[in-house]
Amino acid sequence: MTWFRFFLPVTSIGPEQARKIMADSDGWTLLDVRQKAEYDGGHLEGSIHIPLFQVRKRAGELNKGTALLVYCRCGNRSRLASRFLAAKGFTGVYNIEGGILGWEQHKEGLP
C-alpha cells in the first residue's frame, strides 16, 4: 500500500443516511473506533469495537463485502479510520459525520 492512498476521499454521511443504509440493507457493519472507556460508557447497539489505534492490525476482522459505517465521538477519528480502510481496499466505507454525538442529536427514526 502506498502512502498516497491515505488521501483517498472518504464518503461522509449524516446519521439519517446511516440509519437508512441500516434499514434498507442486511449487509452492514457498524464500527466504533473510540477508546475502550468511551465504548464502555455507551455505544450504538450492534456496533463492533475496534479502537482507532488497532484498526490497522484488526482490519481482517471486518467484512469487505458489506457497508462499513464508522463512527467515533464527533467524526474525526472515524474519518481517519475510514481513510485507512479505503486504502486497504474496503469499498462501501462511510464516515458518520458528527459521530455518536450527532447520532444522539438525531434520534428520531431509529431502525
PDB file of N, CA and C in Angstrom:
ATOM      1  N   MET A   1       0.858  -1.176   0.000  1.00  0.00           N
ATOM      2  CA  MET A   1       0.000   0.000   0.000  1.00  0.00           C
ATOM      3  C   MET A   1       0.902   1.236   0.000  1.00  0.00           C
ATOM      4  N   THR A   2       0.625   2.154  -0.889  1.00  0.00           N
ATOM      5  CA  THR A   2       1.433   3.357  -0.967  1.00  0.00           C
ATOM      6  C   THR A   2       0.799   4.464  -0.140  1.00  0.00           C
ATOM      7  N   TRP A   3       1.616   5.374   0.318  1.00  0.00           N
ATOM      8  CA  TRP A   3       1.168   6.424   1.237  1.00  0.00           C
ATOM      9  C   TRP A   3       0.080   7.303   0.654  1.00  0.00           C
ATOM     10  N   PHE A   4       0.093   7.544  -0.673  1.00  0.00           N
ATOM     11  CA  PHE A   4      -0.876   8.468  -1.260  1.00  0.00           C
ATOM     12  C   PHE A   4      -2.307   7.944  -1.162  1.00  0.00           C
ATOM     13  N   ARG A   5      -2.483   6.642  -0.981  1.00  0.00           N
ATOM     14  CA  ARG A   5      -3.833   6.087  -0.860  1.00  0.00           C
ATOM     15  C   ARG A   5      -4.535   6.589   0.401  1.00  0.00           C
ATOM     16  N   PHE A   6      -3.769   7.079   1.392  1.00  0.00           N
ATOM     17  CA  PHE A   6      -4.380   7.623   2.605  1.00  0.00           C
ATOM     18  C   PHE A   6      -5.090   8.950   2.347  1.00  0.00           C
ATOM     19  N   PHE A   7      -4.901   9.496   1.167  1.00  0.00           N
ATOM     20  CA  PHE A   7      -5.560  10.750   0.818  1.00  0.00           C
ATOM     21  C   PHE A   7      -6.787  10.536  -0.061  1.00  0.00           C
ATOM     22  N   LEU A   8      -7.195   9.276  -0.196  1.00  0.00           N
ATOM     23  CA  LEU A   8      -8.421   8.984  -0.939  1.00  0.00           C
ATOM     24  C   LEU A   8      -9.588   9.690  -0.270  1.00  0.00           C
ATOM     25  N   PRO A   9     -10.505  10.194  -1.061  1.00  0.00           N
ATOM     26  CA  PRO A   9     -11.669  10.824  -0.436  1.00  0.00           C
ATOM     27  C   PRO A   9     -12.501   9.783   0.307  1.00  0.00           C
ATOM     28  N   VAL A  10     -13.060  10.205   1.409  1.00  0.00           N
ATOM     29  CA  VAL A  10     -13.904   9.339   2.217  1.00  0.00           C
ATOM     30  C   VAL A  10     -15.325   9.867   2.130  1.00  0.00           C
ATOM     31  N   THR A  11     -16.267   8.965   1.968  1.00  0.00           N
ATOM     32  CA  THR A  11     -17.667   9.369   1.936  1.00  0.00           C
ATOM     33  C   THR A  11     -18.158   9.578   3.352  1.00  0.00           C
ATOM     34  N   SER A  12     -18.556  10.803   3.653  1.00  0.00           N
ATOM     35  CA  SER A  12     -19.136  11.109   4.959  1.00  0.00           C
ATOM     36  C   SER A  12     -20.637  11.251   4.800  1.00  0.00           C
ATOM     37  N   ILE A  13     -21.361  10.649   5.729  1.00  0.00           N
ATOM     38  CA  ILE A  13     -22.822  10.696   5.696  1.00  0.00           C
ATOM     39  C   ILE A  13     -23.324  11.107   7.070  1.00  0.00           C
ATOM     40  N   GLY A  14     -24.524  11.648   7.101  1.00  0.00           N
ATOM     41  CA  GLY A  14     -25.141  12.007   8.364  1.00  0.00           C
ATOM     42  C   GLY A  14     -25.801  10.812   9.016  1.00  0.00           C
ATOM     43  N   PRO A  15     -26.194  10.952  10.265  1.00  0.00           N
ATOM     44  CA  PRO A  15     -26.865   9.862  10.977  1.00  0.00           C
ATOM     45  C   PRO A  15     -28.118   9.360  10.258  1.00  0.00           C
ATOM     46  N   GLU A  16     -28.863  10.268   9.624  1.00  0.00           N
ATOM     47  CA  GLU A  16     -30.084   9.858   8.932  1.00  0.00           C
ATOM     48  C   GLU A  16     -29.758   8.922   7.774  1.00  0.00           C
ATOM     49  N   GLN A  17     -28.707   9.247   7.024  1.00  0.00           N
ATOM     50  CA  GLN A  17     -28.300   8.395   5.901  1.00  0.00           C
ATOM     51  C   GLN A  17     -27.792   7.046   6.401  1.00  0.00           C
ATOM     52  N   ALA A  18     -27.065   7.064   7.513  1.00  0.00           N
ATOM     53  CA  ALA A  18     -26.576   5.808   8.089  1.00  0.00           C
ATOM     54  C   ALA A  18     -27.739   4.923   8.507  1.00  0.00           C
ATOM     55  N   ARG A  19     -28.736   5.508   9.138  1.00  0.00           N
ATOM     56  CA  ARG A  19     -29.917   4.734   9.540  1.00  0.00           C
ATOM     57  C   ARG A  19     -30.636   4.167   8.326  1.00  0.00           C
ATOM     58  N   LYS A  20     -30.666   4.918   7.244  1.00  0.00           N
ATOM     59  CA  LYS A  20     -31.320   4.438   6.023  1.00  0.00           C
ATOM     60  C   LYS A  20     -30.577   3.227   5.464  1.00  0.00           C
ATOM     61  N   ILE A  21     -29.260   3.289   5.426  1.00  0.00           N
ATOM     62  CA  ILE A  21     -28.464   2.152   4.967  1.00  0.00           C
ATOM     63  C   ILE A  21     -28.755   0.935   5.845  1.00  0.00           C
ATOM     64  N   MET A  22     -28.813   1.158   7.151  1.00  0.00           N
ATOM     65  CA  MET A  22     -29.059   0.060   8.080  1.00  0.00           C
ATOM     66  C   MET A  22     -30.461  -0.523   7.900  1.00  0.00           C
ATOM     67  N   ALA A  23     -31.432   0.317   7.608  1.00  0.00           N
ATOM     68  CA  ALA A  23     -32.811  -0.148   7.444  1.00  0.00           C
ATOM     69  C   ALA A  23     -33.022  -0.838   6.101  1.00  0.00           C
ATOM     70  N   ASP A  24     -32.317  -0.383   5.069  1.00  0.00           N
ATOM     71  CA  ASP A  24     -32.545  -0.884   3.710  1.00  0.00           C
ATOM     72  C   ASP A  24     -31.662  -2.060   3.316  1.00  0.00           C
ATOM     73  N   SER A  25     -30.705  -2.419   4.144  1.00  0.00           N
ATOM     74  CA  SER A  25     -29.744  -3.452   3.772  1.00  0.00           C
ATOM     75  C   SER A  25     -29.518  -4.422   4.921  1.00  0.00           C
ATOM     76  N   ASP A  26     -29.324  -5.685   4.573  1.00  0.00           N
ATOM     77  CA  ASP A  26     -28.978  -6.681   5.584  1.00  0.00           C
ATOM     78  C   ASP A  26     -27.471  -6.727   5.803  1.00  0.00           C
ATOM     79  N   GLY A  27     -26.717  -6.230   4.842  1.00  0.00           N
ATOM     80  CA  GLY A  27     -25.266  -6.334   4.899  1.00  0.00           C
ATOM     81  C   GLY A  27     -24.597  -5.041   5.288  1.00  0.00           C
ATOM     82  N   TRP A  28     -24.412  -4.816   6.563  1.00  0.00           N
ATOM     83  CA  TRP A  28     -23.696  -3.627   7.038  1.00  0.00           C
ATOM     84  C   TRP A  28     -23.007  -3.961   8.354  1.00  0.00           C
ATOM     85  N   THR A  29     -21.967  -3.189   8.647  1.00  0.00           N
ATOM     86  CA  THR A  29     -21.250  -3.302   9.913  1.00  0.00           C
ATOM     87  C   THR A  29     -21.115  -1.902  10.485  1.00  0.00           C
ATOM     88  N   LEU A  30     -21.443  -1.765  11.738  1.00  0.00           N
ATOM     89  CA  LEU A  30     -21.313  -0.506  12.464  1.00  0.00           C
ATOM     90  C   LEU A  30     -20.041  -0.618  13.295  1.00  0.00           C
ATOM     91  N   LEU A  31     -19.059   0.232  13.005  1.00  0.00           N
ATOM     92  CA  LEU A  31     -17.740   0.150  13.640  1.00  0.00           C
ATOM     93  C   LEU A  31     -17.485   1.367  14.515  1.00  0.00           C
ATOM     94  N   ASP A  32     -17.246   1.120  15.799  1.00  0.00           N
ATOM     95  CA  ASP A  32     -16.916   2.157  16.779  1.00  0.00           C
ATOM     96  C   ASP A  32     -15.409   2.167  16.962  1.00  0.00           C
ATOM     97  N   VAL A  33     -14.749   3.298  16.676  1.00  0.00           N
ATOM     98  CA  VAL A  33     -13.287   3.372  16.767  1.00  0.00           C
ATOM     99  C   VAL A  33     -12.815   4.200  17.971  1.00  0.00           C
ATOM    100  N   ARG A  34     -13.712   4.408  18.937  1.00  0.00           N
ATOM    101  CA  ARG A  34     -13.328   5.161  20.136  1.00  0.00           C
ATOM    102  C   ARG A  34     -12.519   4.278  21.089  1.00  0.00           C
ATOM    103  N   GLN A  35     -11.984   4.900  22.133  1.00  0.00           N
ATOM    104  CA  GLN A  35     -11.250   4.174  23.165  1.00  0.00           C
ATOM    105  C   GLN A  35     -12.195   3.277  23.958  1.00  0.00           C
ATOM    106  N   LYS A  36     -11.641   2.263  24.626  1.00  0.00           N
ATOM    107  CA  LYS A  36     -12.439   1.293  25.371  1.00  0.00           C
ATOM    108  C   LYS A  36     -13.320   1.959  26.418  1.00  0.00           C
ATOM    109  N   ALA A  37     -12.781   2.905  27.162  1.00  0.00           N
ATOM    110  CA  ALA A  37     -13.573   3.572  28.202  1.00  0.00           C
ATOM    111  C   ALA A  37     -14.769   4.306  27.596  1.00  0.00           C
ATOM    112  N   GLU A  38     -14.571   4.910  26.430  1.00  0.00           N
ATOM    113  CA  GLU A  38     -15.679   5.592  25.747  1.00  0.00           C
ATOM    114  C   GLU A  38     -16.739   4.579  25.323  1.00  0.00           C
ATOM    115  N   TYR A  39     -16.293   3.481  24.742  1.00  0.00           N
ATOM    116  CA  TYR A  39     -17.207   2.433  24.290  1.00  0.00           C
ATOM    117  C   TYR A  39     -17.976   1.854  25.481  1.00  0.00           C
ATOM    118  N   ASP A  40     -17.250   1.563  26.563  1.00  0.00           N
ATOM    119  CA  ASP A  40     -17.885   1.009  27.762  1.00  0.00           C
ATOM    120  C   ASP A  40     -18.894   1.976  28.372  1.00  0.00           C
ATOM    121  N   GLY A  41     -18.685   3.267  28.163  1.00  0.00           N
ATOM    122  CA  GLY A  41     -19.591   4.286  28.680  1.00  0.00           C
ATOM    123  C   GLY A  41     -20.879   4.419  27.879  1.00  0.00           C
ATOM    124  N   GLY A  42     -20.955   3.771  26.754  1.00  0.00           N
ATOM    125  CA  GLY A  42     -22.145   3.806  25.907  1.00  0.00           C
ATOM    126  C   GLY A  42     -21.755   3.744  24.451  1.00  0.00           C
ATOM    127  N   HIS A  43     -22.485   2.935  23.703  1.00  0.00           N
ATOM    128  CA  HIS A  43     -22.198   2.772  22.277  1.00  0.00           C
ATOM    129  C   HIS A  43     -23.492   2.462  21.536  1.00  0.00           C
ATOM    130  N   LEU A  44     -23.418   2.519  20.225  1.00  0.00           N
ATOM    131  CA  LEU A  44     -24.582   2.223  19.402  1.00  0.00           C
ATOM    132  C   LEU A  44     -24.809   0.719  19.367  1.00  0.00           C
ATOM    133  N   GLU A  45     -26.057   0.330  19.535  1.00  0.00           N
ATOM    134  CA  GLU A  45     -26.415  -1.078  19.576  1.00  0.00           C
ATOM    135  C   GLU A  45     -25.981  -1.793  18.295  1.00  0.00           C
ATOM    136  N   GLY A  46     -25.345  -2.933  18.473  1.00  0.00           N
ATOM    137  CA  GLY A  46     -24.911  -3.731  17.331  1.00  0.00           C
ATOM    138  C   GLY A  46     -23.549  -3.362  16.778  1.00  0.00           C
ATOM    139  N   SER A  47     -22.883  -2.394  17.403  1.00  0.00           N
ATOM    140  CA  SER A  47     -21.582  -1.972  16.876  1.00  0.00           C
ATOM    141  C   SER A  47     -20.474  -2.934  17.281  1.00  0.00           C
ATOM    142  N   ILE A  48     -19.450  -2.958  16.443  1.00  0.00           N
ATOM    143  CA  ILE A  48     -18.214  -3.684  16.727  1.00  0.00           C
ATOM    144  C   ILE A  48     -17.218  -2.646  17.222  1.00  0.00           C
ATOM    145  N   HIS A  49     -16.449  -2.999  18.243  1.00  0.00           N
ATOM    146  CA  HIS A  49     -15.485  -2.049  18.793  1.00  0.00           C
ATOM    147  C   HIS A  49     -14.069  -2.423  18.391  1.00  0.00           C
ATOM    148  N   ILE A  50     -13.455  -1.545  17.605  1.00  0.00           N
ATOM    149  CA  ILE A  50     -12.029  -1.645  17.298  1.00  0.00           C
ATOM    150  C   ILE A  50     -11.470  -0.228  17.426  1.00  0.00           C
ATOM    151  N   PRO A  51     -10.737   0.057  18.509  1.00  0.00           N
ATOM    152  CA  PRO A  51     -10.180   1.406  18.680  1.00  0.00           C
ATOM    153  C   PRO A  51      -9.310   1.806  17.485  1.00  0.00           C
ATOM    154  N   LEU A  52      -9.275   3.093  17.199  1.00  0.00           N
ATOM    155  CA  LEU A  52      -8.545   3.605  16.045  1.00  0.00           C
ATOM    156  C   LEU A  52      -7.127   3.046  15.963  1.00  0.00           C
ATOM    157  N   PHE A  53      -6.403   3.019  17.077  1.00  0.00           N
ATOM    158  CA  PHE A  53      -5.019   2.574  17.034  1.00  0.00           C
ATOM    159  C   PHE A  53      -4.882   1.070  16.753  1.00  0.00           C
ATOM    160  N   GLN A  54      -6.001   0.327  16.774  1.00  0.00           N
ATOM    161  CA  GLN A  54      -5.965  -1.104  16.474  1.00  0.00           C
ATOM    162  C   GLN A  54      -6.528  -1.447  15.092  1.00  0.00           C
ATOM    163  N   VAL A  55      -7.091  -0.472  14.399  1.00  0.00           N
ATOM    164  CA  VAL A  55      -7.744  -0.737  13.118  1.00  0.00           C
ATOM    165  C   VAL A  55      -6.769  -1.376  12.125  1.00  0.00           C
ATOM    166  N   ARG A  56      -5.561  -0.908  12.077  1.00  0.00           N
ATOM    167  CA  ARG A  56      -4.585  -1.441  11.117  1.00  0.00           C
ATOM    168  C   ARG A  56      -4.384  -2.931  11.316  1.00  0.00           C
ATOM    169  N   LYS A  57      -4.177  -3.365  12.541  1.00  0.00           N
ATOM    170  CA  LYS A  57      -3.873  -4.769  12.787  1.00  0.00           C
ATOM    171  C   LYS A  57      -5.115  -5.650  12.819  1.00  0.00           C
ATOM    172  N   ARG A  58      -6.293  -5.060  13.043  1.00  0.00           N
ATOM    173  CA  ARG A  58      -7.515  -5.866  13.157  1.00  0.00           C
ATOM    174  C   ARG A  58      -8.465  -5.721  11.967  1.00  0.00           C
ATOM    175  N   ALA A  59      -8.031  -5.055  10.916  1.00  0.00           N
ATOM    176  CA  ALA A  59      -8.891  -4.842   9.738  1.00  0.00           C
ATOM    177  C   ALA A  59      -9.392  -6.153   9.154  1.00  0.00           C
ATOM    178  N   GLY A  60      -8.639  -7.218   9.294  1.00  0.00           N
ATOM    179  CA  GLY A  60      -9.036  -8.518   8.779  1.00  0.00           C
ATOM    180  C   GLY A  60     -10.284  -9.081   9.436  1.00  0.00           C
ATOM    181  N   GLU A  61     -10.683  -8.527  10.567  1.00  0.00           N
ATOM    182  CA  GLU A  61     -11.900  -8.965  11.253  1.00  0.00           C
ATOM    183  C   GLU A  61     -13.162  -8.414  10.590  1.00  0.00           C
ATOM    184  N   LEU A  62     -12.980  -7.462   9.678  1.00  0.00           N
ATOM    185  CA  LEU A  62     -14.119  -6.799   9.047  1.00  0.00           C
ATOM    186  C   LEU A  62     -14.409  -7.392   7.680  1.00  0.00           C
ATOM    187  N   ASN A  63     -15.668  -7.383   7.304  1.00  0.00           N
ATOM    188  CA  ASN A  63     -16.113  -7.935   6.025  1.00  0.00           C
ATOM    189  C   ASN A  63     -16.015  -6.861   4.940  1.00  0.00           C
ATOM    190  N   LYS A  64     -15.195  -7.111   3.926  1.00  0.00           N
ATOM    191  CA  LYS A  64     -15.044  -6.154   2.836  1.00  0.00           C
ATOM    192  C   LYS A  64     -16.271  -6.089   1.942  1.00  0.00           C
ATOM    193  N   GLY A  65     -17.171  -7.066   2.054  1.00  0.00           N
ATOM    194  CA  GLY A  65     -18.315  -7.141   1.172  1.00  0.00           C
ATOM    195  C   GLY A  65     -19.571  -6.453   1.672  1.00  0.00           C
ATOM    196  N   THR A  66     -19.505  -5.803   2.818  1.00  0.00           N
ATOM    197  CA  THR A  66     -20.685  -5.116   3.349  1.00  0.00           C
ATOM    198  C   THR A  66     -20.382  -3.644   3.574  1.00  0.00           C
ATOM    199  N   ALA A  67     -21.442  -2.864   3.674  1.00  0.00           N
ATOM    200  CA  ALA A  67     -21.268  -1.443   4.003  1.00  0.00           C
ATOM    201  C   ALA A  67     -20.637  -1.348   5.384  1.00  0.00           C
ATOM    202  N   LEU A  68     -19.687  -0.460   5.535  1.00  0.00           N
ATOM    203  CA  LEU A  68     -18.980  -0.268   6.787  1.00  0.00           C
ATOM    204  C   LEU A  68     -19.253   1.151   7.269  1.00  0.00           C
ATOM    205  N   LEU A  69     -20.027   1.269   8.335  1.00  0.00           N
ATOM    206  CA  LEU A  69     -20.420   2.564   8.897  1.00  0.00           C
ATOM    207  C   LEU A  69     -19.536   2.827  10.112  1.00  0.00           C
ATOM    208  N   VAL A  70     -18.652   3.811  10.008  1.00  0.00           N
ATOM    209  CA  VAL A  70     -17.622   4.042  11.014  1.00  0.00           C
ATOM    210  C   VAL A  70     -17.962   5.298  11.814  1.00  0.00           C
ATOM    211  N   TYR A  71     -17.884   5.176  13.148  1.00  0.00           N
ATOM    212  CA  TYR A  71     -18.150   6.344  13.987  1.00  0.00           C
ATOM    213  C   TYR A  71     -17.186   6.418  15.165  1.00  0.00           C
ATOM    214  N   CYS A  72     -17.074   7.605  15.709  1.00  0.00           N
ATOM    215  CA  CYS A  72     -16.303   7.868  16.920  1.00  0.00           C
ATOM    216  C   CYS A  72     -17.128   8.840  17.758  1.00  0.00           C
ATOM    217  N   ARG A  73     -16.499   9.729  18.476  1.00  0.00           N
ATOM    218  CA  ARG A  73     -17.239  10.692  19.293  1.00  0.00           C
ATOM    219  C   ARG A  73     -17.870  11.774  18.440  1.00  0.00           C
ATOM    220  N   CYS A  74     -17.049  12.389  17.547  1.00  0.00           N
ATOM    221  CA  CYS A  74     -17.574  13.509  16.765  1.00  0.00           C
ATOM    222  C   CYS A  74     -17.246  13.440  15.267  1.00  0.00           C
ATOM    223  N   GLY A  75     -16.511  12.425  14.821  1.00  0.00           N
ATOM    224  CA  GLY A  75     -16.281  12.244  13.394  1.00  0.00           C
ATOM    225  C   GLY A  75     -14.850  12.362  12.917  1.00  0.00           C
ATOM    226  N   ASN A  76     -13.919  12.762  13.769  1.00  0.00           N
ATOM    227  CA  ASN A  76     -12.539  12.930  13.317  1.00  0.00           C
ATOM    228  C   ASN A  76     -11.770  11.613  13.266  1.00  0.00           C
ATOM    229  N   ARG A  77     -11.803  10.844  14.342  1.00  0.00           N
ATOM    230  CA  ARG A  77     -11.102   9.549  14.351  1.00  0.00           C
ATOM    231  C   ARG A  77     -11.724   8.595  13.334  1.00  0.00           C
ATOM    232  N   SER A  78     -13.035   8.650  13.217  1.00  0.00           N
ATOM    233  CA  SER A  78     -13.695   7.756  12.254  1.00  0.00           C
ATOM    234  C   SER A  78     -13.311   8.120  10.820  1.00  0.00           C
ATOM    235  N   ARG A  79     -13.065   9.392  10.548  1.00  0.00           N
ATOM    236  CA  ARG A  79     -12.614   9.798   9.213  1.00  0.00           C
ATOM    237  C   ARG A  79     -11.241   9.195   8.921  1.00  0.00           C
ATOM    238  N   LEU A  80     -10.349   9.232   9.902  1.00  0.00           N
ATOM    239  CA  LEU A  80      -9.023   8.627   9.729  1.00  0.00           C
ATOM    240  C   LEU A  80      -9.132   7.117   9.520  1.00  0.00           C
ATOM    241  N   ALA A  81      -9.947   6.459  10.325  1.00  0.00           N
ATOM    242  CA  ALA A  81     -10.136   5.010  10.187  1.00  0.00           C
ATOM    243  C   ALA A  81     -10.734   4.683   8.825  1.00  0.00           C
ATOM    244  N   SER A  82     -11.690   5.485   8.373  1.00  0.00           N
ATOM    245  CA  SER A  82     -12.324   5.261   7.070  1.00  0.00           C
ATOM    246  C   SER A  82     -11.315   5.387   5.946  1.00  0.00           C
ATOM    247  N   ARG A  83     -10.440   6.372   6.026  1.00  0.00           N
ATOM    248  CA  ARG A  83      -9.395   6.544   5.007  1.00  0.00           C
ATOM    249  C   ARG A  83      -8.466   5.338   4.976  1.00  0.00           C
ATOM    250  N   PHE A  84      -8.079   4.889   6.146  1.00  0.00           N
ATOM    251  CA  PHE A  84      -7.197   3.733   6.210  1.00  0.00           C
ATOM    252  C   PHE A  84      -7.874   2.511   5.595  1.00  0.00           C
ATOM    253  N   LEU A  85      -9.133   2.268   5.953  1.00  0.00           N
ATOM    254  CA  LEU A  85      -9.848   1.101   5.444  1.00  0.00           C
ATOM    255  C   LEU A  85     -10.046   1.184   3.926  1.00  0.00           C
ATOM    256  N   ALA A  86     -10.344   2.374   3.422  1.00  0.00           N
ATOM    257  CA  ALA A  86     -10.472   2.555   1.969  1.00  0.00           C
ATOM    258  C   ALA A  86      -9.134   2.263   1.287  1.00  0.00           C
ATOM    259  N   ALA A  87      -8.047   2.712   1.900  1.00  0.00           N
ATOM    260  CA  ALA A  87      -6.720   2.464   1.340  1.00  0.00           C
ATOM    261  C   ALA A  87      -6.372   0.978   1.357  1.00  0.00           C
ATOM    262  N   LYS A  88      -6.963   0.228   2.280  1.00  0.00           N
ATOM    263  CA  LYS A  88      -6.744  -1.218   2.378  1.00  0.00           C
ATOM    264  C   LYS A  88      -7.657  -2.003   1.439  1.00  0.00           C
ATOM    265  N   GLY A  89      -8.468  -1.293   0.646  1.00  0.00           N
ATOM    266  CA  GLY A  89      -9.295  -1.962  -0.338  1.00  0.00           C
ATOM    267  C   GLY A  89     -10.741  -2.182   0.058  1.00  0.00           C
ATOM    268  N   PHE A  90     -11.148  -1.662   1.201  1.00  0.00           N
ATOM    269  CA  PHE A  90     -12.552  -1.767   1.585  1.00  0.00           C
ATOM    270  C   PHE A  90     -13.363  -0.812   0.717  1.00  0.00           C
ATOM    271  N   THR A  91     -14.487  -1.283   0.222  1.00  0.00           N
ATOM    272  CA  THR A  91     -15.402  -0.414  -0.518  1.00  0.00           C
ATOM    273  C   THR A  91     -16.657  -0.259   0.318  1.00  0.00           C
ATOM    274  N   GLY A  92     -17.412   0.762   0.069  1.00  0.00           N
ATOM    275  CA  GLY A  92     -18.615   0.984   0.863  1.00  0.00           C
ATOM    276  C   GLY A  92     -18.305   1.412   2.279  1.00  0.00           C
ATOM    277  N   VAL A  93     -17.250   2.210   2.449  1.00  0.00           N
ATOM    278  CA  VAL A  93     -16.883   2.722   3.770  1.00  0.00           C
ATOM    279  C   VAL A  93     -17.505   4.103   3.933  1.00  0.00           C
ATOM    280  N   TYR A  94     -18.210   4.294   5.032  1.00  0.00           N
ATOM    281  CA  TYR A  94     -18.882   5.567   5.292  1.00  0.00           C
ATOM    282  C   TYR A  94     -18.492   6.092   6.664  1.00  0.00           C
ATOM    283  N   ASN A  95     -18.009   7.309   6.702  1.00  0.00           N
ATOM    284  CA  ASN A  95     -17.740   8.003   7.959  1.00  0.00           C
ATOM    285  C   ASN A  95     -19.038   8.674   8.402  1.00  0.00           C
ATOM    286  N   ILE A  96     -19.474   8.392   9.622  1.00  0.00           N
ATOM    287  CA  ILE A  96     -20.698   9.018  10.125  1.00  0.00           C
ATOM    288  C   ILE A  96     -20.335  10.383  10.711  1.00  0.00           C
ATOM    289  N   GLU A  97     -20.749  11.430  10.003  1.00  0.00           N
ATOM    290  CA  GLU A  97     -20.476  12.810  10.428  1.00  0.00           C
ATOM    291  C   GLU A  97     -21.086  13.072  11.800  1.00  0.00           C
ATOM    292  N   GLY A  98     -20.343  13.738  12.627  1.00  0.00           N
ATOM    293  CA  GLY A  98     -20.841  14.084  13.951  1.00  0.00           C
ATOM    294  C   GLY A  98     -20.706  12.975  14.965  1.00  0.00           C
ATOM    295  N   GLY A  99     -20.307  11.779  14.520  1.00  0.00           N
ATOM    296  CA  GLY A  99     -20.078  10.659  15.415  1.00  0.00           C
ATOM    297  C   GLY A  99     -21.288  10.313  16.267  1.00  0.00           C
ATOM    298  N   ILE A 100     -21.011   9.758  17.434  1.00  0.00           N
ATOM    299  CA  ILE A 100     -22.095   9.349  18.327  1.00  0.00           C
ATOM    300  C   ILE A 100     -22.845  10.569  18.863  1.00  0.00           C
ATOM    301  N   LEU A 101     -22.158  11.703  18.959  1.00  0.00           N
ATOM    302  CA  LEU A 101     -22.837  12.927  19.407  1.00  0.00           C
ATOM    303  C   LEU A 101     -23.898  13.347  18.390  1.00  0.00           C
ATOM    304  N   GLY A 102     -23.554  13.302  17.113  1.00  0.00           N
ATOM    305  CA  GLY A 102     -24.512  13.630  16.061  1.00  0.00           C
ATOM    306  C   GLY A 102     -25.643  12.621  16.012  1.00  0.00           C
ATOM    307  N   TRP A 103     -25.309  11.358  16.216  1.00  0.00           N
ATOM    308  CA  TRP A 103     -26.325  10.293  16.217  1.00  0.00           C
ATOM    309  C   TRP A 103     -27.344  10.557  17.318  1.00  0.00           C
ATOM    310  N   GLU A 104     -26.859  10.897  18.494  1.00  0.00           N
ATOM    311  CA  GLU A 104     -27.754  11.155  19.628  1.00  0.00           C
ATOM    312  C   GLU A 104     -28.622  12.394  19.412  1.00  0.00           C
ATOM    313  N   GLN A 105     -28.115  13.363  18.676  1.00  0.00           N
ATOM    314  CA  GLN A 105     -28.895  14.578  18.392  1.00  0.00           C
ATOM    315  C   GLN A 105     -30.002  14.314  17.390  1.00  0.00           C
ATOM    316  N   HIS A 106     -29.889  13.239  16.640  1.00  0.00           N
ATOM    317  CA  HIS A 106     -30.878  12.902  15.606  1.00  0.00           C
ATOM    318  C   HIS A 106     -31.480  11.529  15.888  1.00  0.00           C
ATOM    319  N   LYS A 107     -32.064  11.371  17.044  1.00  0.00           N
ATOM    320  CA  LYS A 107     -32.590  10.067  17.472  1.00  0.00           C
ATOM    321  C   LYS A 107     -33.858   9.637  16.734  1.00  0.00           C
ATOM    322  N   GLU A 108     -34.600  10.555  16.179  1.00  0.00           N
ATOM    323  CA  GLU A 108     -35.845  10.172  15.513  1.00  0.00           C
ATOM    324  C   GLU A 108     -35.545   9.242  14.352  1.00  0.00           C
ATOM    325  N   GLY A 109     -36.421   8.293  14.137  1.00  0.00           N
ATOM    326  CA  GLY A 109     -36.286   7.369  13.025  1.00  0.00           C
ATOM    327  C   GLY A 109     -35.275   6.263  13.240  1.00  0.00           C
ATOM    328  N   LEU A 110     -34.981   5.943  14.482  1.00  0.00           N
ATOM    329  CA  LEU A 110     -34.020   4.855  14.742  1.00  0.00           C
ATOM    330  C   LEU A 110     -34.522   3.558  14.133  1.00  0.00           C
ATOM    331  N   PRO A 111     -33.601   2.784  13.534  1.00  0.00           N
ATOM    332  CA  PRO A 111     -34.022   1.493  12.965  1.00  0.00           C
ATOM    333  C   PRO A 111     -34.345   0.513  14.063  1.00  0.00           C
TER     334      PRO A 111
END
